[in-house]
PDB file of all heavy atoms in Angstrom:
ATOM      1  N   ASN A   1     -20.649  48.580  42.534  1.00  0.00           N
ATOM      2  CA  ASN A   1     -21.448  47.389  42.771  1.00  0.00           C
ATOM      3  C   ASN A   1     -22.890  47.725  43.027  1.00  0.00           C
ATOM      4  O   ASN A   1     -23.182  48.821  43.568  1.00  0.00           O
ATOM      5  CB  ASN A   1     -20.833  46.647  43.963  1.00  0.00           C
ATOM      6  CG  ASN A   1     -19.419  46.025  43.658  1.00  0.00           C
ATOM      7  OD1 ASN A   1     -19.077  45.809  42.436  1.00  0.00           O
ATOM      8  ND2 ASN A   1     -18.684  45.754  44.651  1.00  0.00           N
ATOM      9  N   THR A   2     -23.752  46.827  42.553  1.00  0.00           N
ATOM     10  CA  THR A   2     -25.190  47.103  42.576  1.00  0.00           C
ATOM     11  C   THR A   2     -26.015  46.277  43.582  1.00  0.00           C
ATOM     12  O   THR A   2     -27.172  46.268  43.583  1.00  0.00           O
ATOM     13  CB  THR A   2     -25.776  46.959  41.180  1.00  0.00           C
ATOM     14  OG1 THR A   2     -25.522  45.562  40.739  1.00  0.00           O
ATOM     15  CG2 THR A   2     -25.118  47.872  40.207  1.00  0.00           C
ATOM     16  N   GLY A   3     -25.319  45.541  44.433  1.00  0.00           N
ATOM     17  CA  GLY A   3     -26.037  44.688  45.402  1.00  0.00           C
ATOM     18  C   GLY A   3     -26.236  45.507  46.653  1.00  0.00           C
ATOM     19  O   GLY A   3     -26.661  46.677  46.588  1.00  0.00           O
ATOM     20  N   LEU A   4     -26.044  44.893  47.802  1.00  0.00           N
ATOM     21  CA  LEU A   4     -26.204  45.573  49.105  1.00  0.00           C
ATOM     22  C   LEU A   4     -25.312  46.818  49.205  1.00  0.00           C
ATOM     23  O   LEU A   4     -24.142  46.789  48.903  1.00  0.00           O
ATOM     24  CB  LEU A   4     -25.922  44.599  50.209  1.00  0.00           C
ATOM     25  CG  LEU A   4     -26.123  45.131  51.663  1.00  0.00           C
ATOM     26  CD1 LEU A   4     -27.560  45.281  52.020  1.00  0.00           C
ATOM     27  CD2 LEU A   4     -25.410  44.210  52.695  1.00  0.00           C
ATOM     28  N   HIS A   5     -25.920  47.934  49.688  1.00  0.00           N
ATOM     29  CA  HIS A   5     -25.150  49.076  50.068  1.00  0.00           C
ATOM     30  C   HIS A   5     -24.854  48.982  51.495  1.00  0.00           C
ATOM     31  O   HIS A   5     -25.760  49.106  52.327  1.00  0.00           O
ATOM     32  CB  HIS A   5     -25.986  50.401  49.765  1.00  0.00           C
ATOM     33  CG  HIS A   5     -26.167  50.612  48.321  1.00  0.00           C
ATOM     34  ND1 HIS A   5     -25.358  51.318  47.499  1.00  0.00           N
ATOM     35  CD2 HIS A   5     -27.128  50.128  47.455  1.00  0.00           C
ATOM     36  CE1 HIS A   5     -25.720  51.411  46.303  1.00  0.00           C
ATOM     37  NE2 HIS A   5     -26.880  50.611  46.201  1.00  0.00           N
ATOM     38  N   PHE A   6     -23.558  48.789  51.832  1.00  0.00           N
ATOM     39  CA  PHE A   6     -23.091  48.478  53.234  1.00  0.00           C
ATOM     40  C   PHE A   6     -22.361  49.636  53.755  1.00  0.00           C
ATOM     41  O   PHE A   6     -21.290  50.013  53.244  1.00  0.00           O
ATOM     42  CB  PHE A   6     -22.310  47.170  53.204  1.00  0.00           C
ATOM     43  CG  PHE A   6     -21.782  46.740  54.530  1.00  0.00           C
ATOM     44  CD1 PHE A   6     -22.586  46.734  55.668  1.00  0.00           C
ATOM     45  CD2 PHE A   6     -20.442  46.373  54.707  1.00  0.00           C
ATOM     46  CE1 PHE A   6     -22.121  46.364  56.838  1.00  0.00           C
ATOM     47  CE2 PHE A   6     -19.972  45.960  55.949  1.00  0.00           C
ATOM     48  CZ  PHE A   6     -20.800  46.033  57.032  1.00  0.00           C
ATOM     49  N   GLN A   7     -22.879  50.257  54.869  1.00  0.00           N
ATOM     50  CA  GLN A   7     -22.153  51.372  55.478  1.00  0.00           C
ATOM     51  C   GLN A   7     -21.572  50.940  56.816  1.00  0.00           C
ATOM     52  O   GLN A   7     -22.319  50.275  57.625  1.00  0.00           O
ATOM     53  CB  GLN A   7     -23.091  52.560  55.751  1.00  0.00           C
ATOM     54  CG  GLN A   7     -23.600  53.259  54.500  1.00  0.00           C
ATOM     55  CD  GLN A   7     -24.540  52.446  53.660  1.00  0.00           C
ATOM     56  OE1 GLN A   7     -24.329  52.212  52.520  1.00  0.00           O
ATOM     57  NE2 GLN A   7     -25.542  51.915  54.337  1.00  0.00           N
ATOM     58  N   VAL A   8     -20.315  51.245  57.071  1.00  0.00           N
ATOM     59  CA  VAL A   8     -19.667  50.896  58.350  1.00  0.00           C
ATOM     60  C   VAL A   8     -19.358  52.221  59.077  1.00  0.00           C
ATOM     61  O   VAL A   8     -18.621  53.025  58.523  1.00  0.00           O
ATOM     62  CB  VAL A   8     -18.373  50.108  58.040  1.00  0.00           C
ATOM     63  CG1 VAL A   8     -17.784  49.640  59.425  1.00  0.00           C
ATOM     64  CG2 VAL A   8     -18.621  48.868  57.252  1.00  0.00           C
ATOM     65  N   ALA A   9     -19.860  52.379  60.308  1.00  0.00           N
ATOM     66  CA  ALA A   9     -19.656  53.553  61.068  1.00  0.00           C
ATOM     67  C   ALA A   9     -18.328  53.333  61.854  1.00  0.00           C
ATOM     68  O   ALA A   9     -18.352  52.518  62.796  1.00  0.00           O
ATOM     69  CB  ALA A   9     -20.820  53.824  61.980  1.00  0.00           C
ATOM     70  N   LEU A  10     -17.261  54.079  61.483  1.00  0.00           N
ATOM     71  CA  LEU A  10     -15.973  53.978  62.226  1.00  0.00           C
ATOM     72  C   LEU A  10     -15.603  55.355  62.707  1.00  0.00           C
ATOM     73  O   LEU A  10     -15.666  56.323  62.038  1.00  0.00           O
ATOM     74  CB  LEU A  10     -14.958  53.464  61.317  1.00  0.00           C
ATOM     75  CG  LEU A  10     -15.070  52.058  60.667  1.00  0.00           C
ATOM     76  CD1 LEU A  10     -14.038  51.738  59.630  1.00  0.00           C
ATOM     77  CD2 LEU A  10     -15.000  51.012  61.861  1.00  0.00           C
ATOM     78  N   ASN A  11     -15.154  55.335  64.046  1.00  0.00           N
ATOM     79  CA  ASN A  11     -14.961  56.602  64.742  1.00  0.00           C
ATOM     80  C   ASN A  11     -16.046  57.602  64.361  1.00  0.00           C
ATOM     81  O   ASN A  11     -15.849  58.708  64.036  1.00  0.00           O
ATOM     82  CB  ASN A  11     -13.571  57.284  64.249  1.00  0.00           C
ATOM     83  CG  ASN A  11     -13.225  58.400  65.252  1.00  0.00           C
ATOM     84  OD1 ASN A  11     -13.506  58.441  66.363  1.00  0.00           O
ATOM     85  ND2 ASN A  11     -12.621  59.452  64.695  1.00  0.00           N
ATOM     86  N   TYR A  12     -17.250  57.085  64.613  1.00  0.00           N
ATOM     87  CA  TYR A  12     -18.530  57.755  64.270  1.00  0.00           C
ATOM     88  C   TYR A  12     -19.230  58.140  65.566  1.00  0.00           C
ATOM     89  O   TYR A  12     -19.326  57.381  66.433  1.00  0.00           O
ATOM     90  CB  TYR A  12     -19.463  56.918  63.429  1.00  0.00           C
ATOM     91  CG  TYR A  12     -20.786  57.536  63.137  1.00  0.00           C
ATOM     92  CD1 TYR A  12     -20.961  58.421  62.081  1.00  0.00           C
ATOM     93  CD2 TYR A  12     -21.860  57.383  63.988  1.00  0.00           C
ATOM     94  CE1 TYR A  12     -22.123  59.103  61.851  1.00  0.00           C
ATOM     95  CE2 TYR A  12     -23.038  58.045  63.807  1.00  0.00           C
ATOM     96  CZ  TYR A  12     -23.191  58.851  62.683  1.00  0.00           C
ATOM     97  OH  TYR A  12     -24.380  59.498  62.467  1.00  0.00           O
ATOM     98  N   GLY A  13     -19.668  59.401  65.616  1.00  0.00           N
ATOM     99  CA  GLY A  13     -20.575  59.927  66.590  1.00  0.00           C
ATOM    100  C   GLY A  13     -21.494  60.832  65.957  1.00  0.00           C
ATOM    101  O   GLY A  13     -21.019  61.708  65.190  1.00  0.00           O
ATOM    102  N   SER A  14     -22.782  60.769  66.236  1.00  0.00           N
ATOM    103  CA  SER A  14     -23.673  61.651  65.470  1.00  0.00           C
ATOM    104  C   SER A  14     -23.493  63.125  65.781  1.00  0.00           C
ATOM    105  O   SER A  14     -23.647  63.950  64.960  1.00  0.00           O
ATOM    106  CB  SER A  14     -25.151  61.196  65.826  1.00  0.00           C
ATOM    107  OG  SER A  14     -26.088  61.903  65.042  1.00  0.00           O
ATOM    108  N   ARG A  15     -23.244  63.390  67.045  1.00  0.00           N
ATOM    109  CA  ARG A  15     -22.975  64.849  67.447  1.00  0.00           C
ATOM    110  C   ARG A  15     -21.705  65.366  66.636  1.00  0.00           C
ATOM    111  O   ARG A  15     -21.787  66.430  66.129  1.00  0.00           O
ATOM    112  CB  ARG A  15     -22.896  65.014  68.880  1.00  0.00           C
ATOM    113  CG  ARG A  15     -24.185  64.711  69.616  1.00  0.00           C
ATOM    114  CD  ARG A  15     -23.954  64.929  71.194  1.00  0.00           C
ATOM    115  NE  ARG A  15     -25.245  64.832  71.892  1.00  0.00           N
ATOM    116  CZ  ARG A  15     -25.367  64.949  73.164  1.00  0.00           C
ATOM    117  NH1 ARG A  15     -24.317  65.199  73.957  1.00  0.00           N
ATOM    118  NH2 ARG A  15     -26.599  64.853  73.786  1.00  0.00           N
ATOM    119  N   ASP A  16     -20.688  64.513  66.566  1.00  0.00           N
ATOM    120  CA  ASP A  16     -19.544  64.914  65.853  1.00  0.00           C
ATOM    121  C   ASP A  16     -19.812  65.109  64.390  1.00  0.00           C
ATOM    122  O   ASP A  16     -19.374  66.121  63.742  1.00  0.00           O
ATOM    123  CB  ASP A  16     -18.450  63.861  65.998  1.00  0.00           C
ATOM    124  CG  ASP A  16     -17.246  64.070  65.142  1.00  0.00           C
ATOM    125  OD1 ASP A  16     -16.507  65.037  65.550  1.00  0.00           O
ATOM    126  OD2 ASP A  16     -17.053  63.419  64.155  1.00  0.00           O
ATOM    127  N   GLU A  17     -20.661  64.198  63.802  1.00  0.00           N
ATOM    128  CA  GLU A  17     -21.062  64.324  62.451  1.00  0.00           C
ATOM    129  C   GLU A  17     -21.785  65.604  62.161  1.00  0.00           C
ATOM    130  O   GLU A  17     -21.533  66.336  61.189  1.00  0.00           O
ATOM    131  CB  GLU A  17     -21.913  63.100  62.007  1.00  0.00           C
ATOM    132  CG  GLU A  17     -22.497  63.170  60.618  1.00  0.00           C
ATOM    133  CD  GLU A  17     -23.573  62.078  60.390  1.00  0.00           C
ATOM    134  OE1 GLU A  17     -24.253  61.740  61.380  1.00  0.00           O
ATOM    135  OE2 GLU A  17     -23.706  61.657  59.235  1.00  0.00           O
ATOM    136  N   MET A  18     -22.661  65.934  63.042  1.00  0.00           N
ATOM    137  CA  MET A  18     -23.518  67.177  62.785  1.00  0.00           C
ATOM    138  C   MET A  18     -22.703  68.435  62.974  1.00  0.00           C
ATOM    139  O   MET A  18     -22.896  69.370  62.282  1.00  0.00           O
ATOM    140  CB  MET A  18     -24.742  67.162  63.737  1.00  0.00           C
ATOM    141  CG  MET A  18     -25.753  66.128  63.376  1.00  0.00           C
ATOM    142  SD  MET A  18     -27.339  66.227  64.286  1.00  0.00           S
ATOM    143  CE  MET A  18     -26.958  65.451  65.797  1.00  0.00           C
ATOM    144  N   ILE A  19     -21.712  68.426  63.879  1.00  0.00           N
ATOM    145  CA  ILE A  19     -20.834  69.535  64.043  1.00  0.00           C
ATOM    146  C   ILE A  19     -19.985  69.708  62.841  1.00  0.00           C
ATOM    147  O   ILE A  19     -19.823  70.868  62.253  1.00  0.00           O
ATOM    148  CB  ILE A  19     -20.025  69.461  65.311  1.00  0.00           C
ATOM    149  CG1 ILE A  19     -20.909  69.611  66.561  1.00  0.00           C
ATOM    150  CG2 ILE A  19     -18.836  70.492  65.277  1.00  0.00           C
ATOM    151  CD1 ILE A  19     -20.163  69.310  67.913  1.00  0.00           C
ATOM    152  N   ARG A  20     -19.436  68.666  62.285  1.00  0.00           N
ATOM    153  CA  ARG A  20     -18.625  68.702  61.053  1.00  0.00           C
ATOM    154  C   ARG A  20     -19.440  69.199  59.932  1.00  0.00           C
ATOM    155  O   ARG A  20     -18.997  70.037  59.116  1.00  0.00           O
ATOM    156  CB  ARG A  20     -18.017  67.358  60.799  1.00  0.00           C
ATOM    157  CG  ARG A  20     -16.898  66.875  61.654  1.00  0.00           C
ATOM    158  CD  ARG A  20     -16.236  65.642  61.304  1.00  0.00           C
ATOM    159  NE  ARG A  20     -16.999  64.463  61.555  1.00  0.00           N
ATOM    160  CZ  ARG A  20     -17.590  63.750  60.598  1.00  0.00           C
ATOM    161  NH1 ARG A  20     -17.451  64.069  59.320  1.00  0.00           N
ATOM    162  NH2 ARG A  20     -18.242  62.635  60.880  1.00  0.00           N
ATOM    163  N   ALA A  21     -20.681  68.743  59.860  1.00  0.00           N
ATOM    164  CA  ALA A  21     -21.607  69.189  58.751  1.00  0.00           C
ATOM    165  C   ALA A  21     -21.937  70.672  58.900  1.00  0.00           C
ATOM    166  O   ALA A  21     -21.909  71.413  57.919  1.00  0.00           O
ATOM    167  CB  ALA A  21     -22.901  68.447  58.894  1.00  0.00           C
ATOM    168  N   MET A  22     -22.094  71.139  60.075  1.00  0.00           N
ATOM    169  CA  MET A  22     -22.393  72.554  60.317  1.00  0.00           C
ATOM    170  C   MET A  22     -21.194  73.459  59.914  1.00  0.00           C
ATOM    171  O   MET A  22     -21.369  74.549  59.347  1.00  0.00           O
ATOM    172  CB  MET A  22     -22.775  72.823  61.761  1.00  0.00           C
ATOM    173  CG  MET A  22     -24.185  72.278  62.158  1.00  0.00           C
ATOM    174  SD  MET A  22     -24.624  72.618  63.847  1.00  0.00           S
ATOM    175  CE  MET A  22     -24.787  74.370  63.887  1.00  0.00           C
ATOM    176  N   ARG A  23     -20.039  73.021  60.322  1.00  0.00           N
ATOM    177  CA  ARG A  23     -18.814  73.716  59.921  1.00  0.00           C
ATOM    178  C   ARG A  23     -18.662  73.806  58.409  1.00  0.00           C
ATOM    179  O   ARG A  23     -18.314  74.912  57.808  1.00  0.00           O
ATOM    180  CB  ARG A  23     -17.593  73.154  60.537  1.00  0.00           C
ATOM    181  CG  ARG A  23     -17.481  73.287  62.008  1.00  0.00           C
ATOM    182  CD  ARG A  23     -16.341  72.450  62.585  1.00  0.00           C
ATOM    183  NE  ARG A  23     -16.147  72.679  64.051  1.00  0.00           N
ATOM    184  CZ  ARG A  23     -15.490  71.854  64.888  1.00  0.00           C
ATOM    185  NH1 ARG A  23     -14.881  70.814  64.365  1.00  0.00           N
ATOM    186  NH2 ARG A  23     -15.373  72.177  66.130  1.00  0.00           N
ATOM    187  N   ALA A  24     -18.908  72.745  57.690  1.00  0.00           N
ATOM    188  CA  ALA A  24     -18.729  72.692  56.290  1.00  0.00           C
ATOM    189  C   ALA A  24     -19.813  73.532  55.650  1.00  0.00           C
ATOM    190  O   ALA A  24     -19.455  74.410  54.663  1.00  0.00           O
ATOM    191  CB  ALA A  24     -18.897  71.243  55.753  1.00  0.00           C
ATOM    192  N   MET A  25     -20.989  73.572  56.136  1.00  0.00           N
ATOM    193  CA  MET A  25     -22.094  74.337  55.509  1.00  0.00           C
ATOM    194  C   MET A  25     -21.801  75.813  55.843  1.00  0.00           C
ATOM    195  O   MET A  25     -22.078  76.702  55.047  1.00  0.00           O
ATOM    196  CB  MET A  25     -23.535  73.894  56.131  1.00  0.00           C
ATOM    197  CG  MET A  25     -24.635  74.610  55.468  1.00  0.00           C
ATOM    198  SD  MET A  25     -26.247  73.838  55.856  1.00  0.00           S
ATOM    199  CE  MET A  25     -26.332  74.241  57.595  1.00  0.00           C
ATOM    200  N   GLY A  26     -21.365  76.086  57.149  1.00  0.00           N
ATOM    201  CA  GLY A  26     -21.032  77.509  57.443  1.00  0.00           C
ATOM    202  C   GLY A  26     -20.033  78.033  56.544  1.00  0.00           C
ATOM    203  O   GLY A  26     -20.045  79.185  56.099  1.00  0.00           O
ATOM    204  N   LYS A  27     -18.972  77.243  56.190  1.00  0.00           N
ATOM    205  CA  LYS A  27     -17.966  77.732  55.263  1.00  0.00           C
ATOM    206  C   LYS A  27     -18.457  78.031  53.911  1.00  0.00           C
ATOM    207  O   LYS A  27     -18.173  79.077  53.347  1.00  0.00           O
ATOM    208  CB  LYS A  27     -16.848  76.668  55.228  1.00  0.00           C
ATOM    209  CG  LYS A  27     -15.640  77.040  54.376  1.00  0.00           C
ATOM    210  CD  LYS A  27     -14.605  75.905  54.481  1.00  0.00           C
ATOM    211  CE  LYS A  27     -13.284  76.281  53.775  1.00  0.00           C
ATOM    212  NZ  LYS A  27     -13.514  76.320  52.300  1.00  0.00           N
TER     213      LYS A  27
END
């Protein structure tokens, strides 16, 4: 779809997101 890009944050926490990102990048 090409209209609004709608993001819903569910079970979201920025610190959790960054830790998960660091683990993936570290791997």
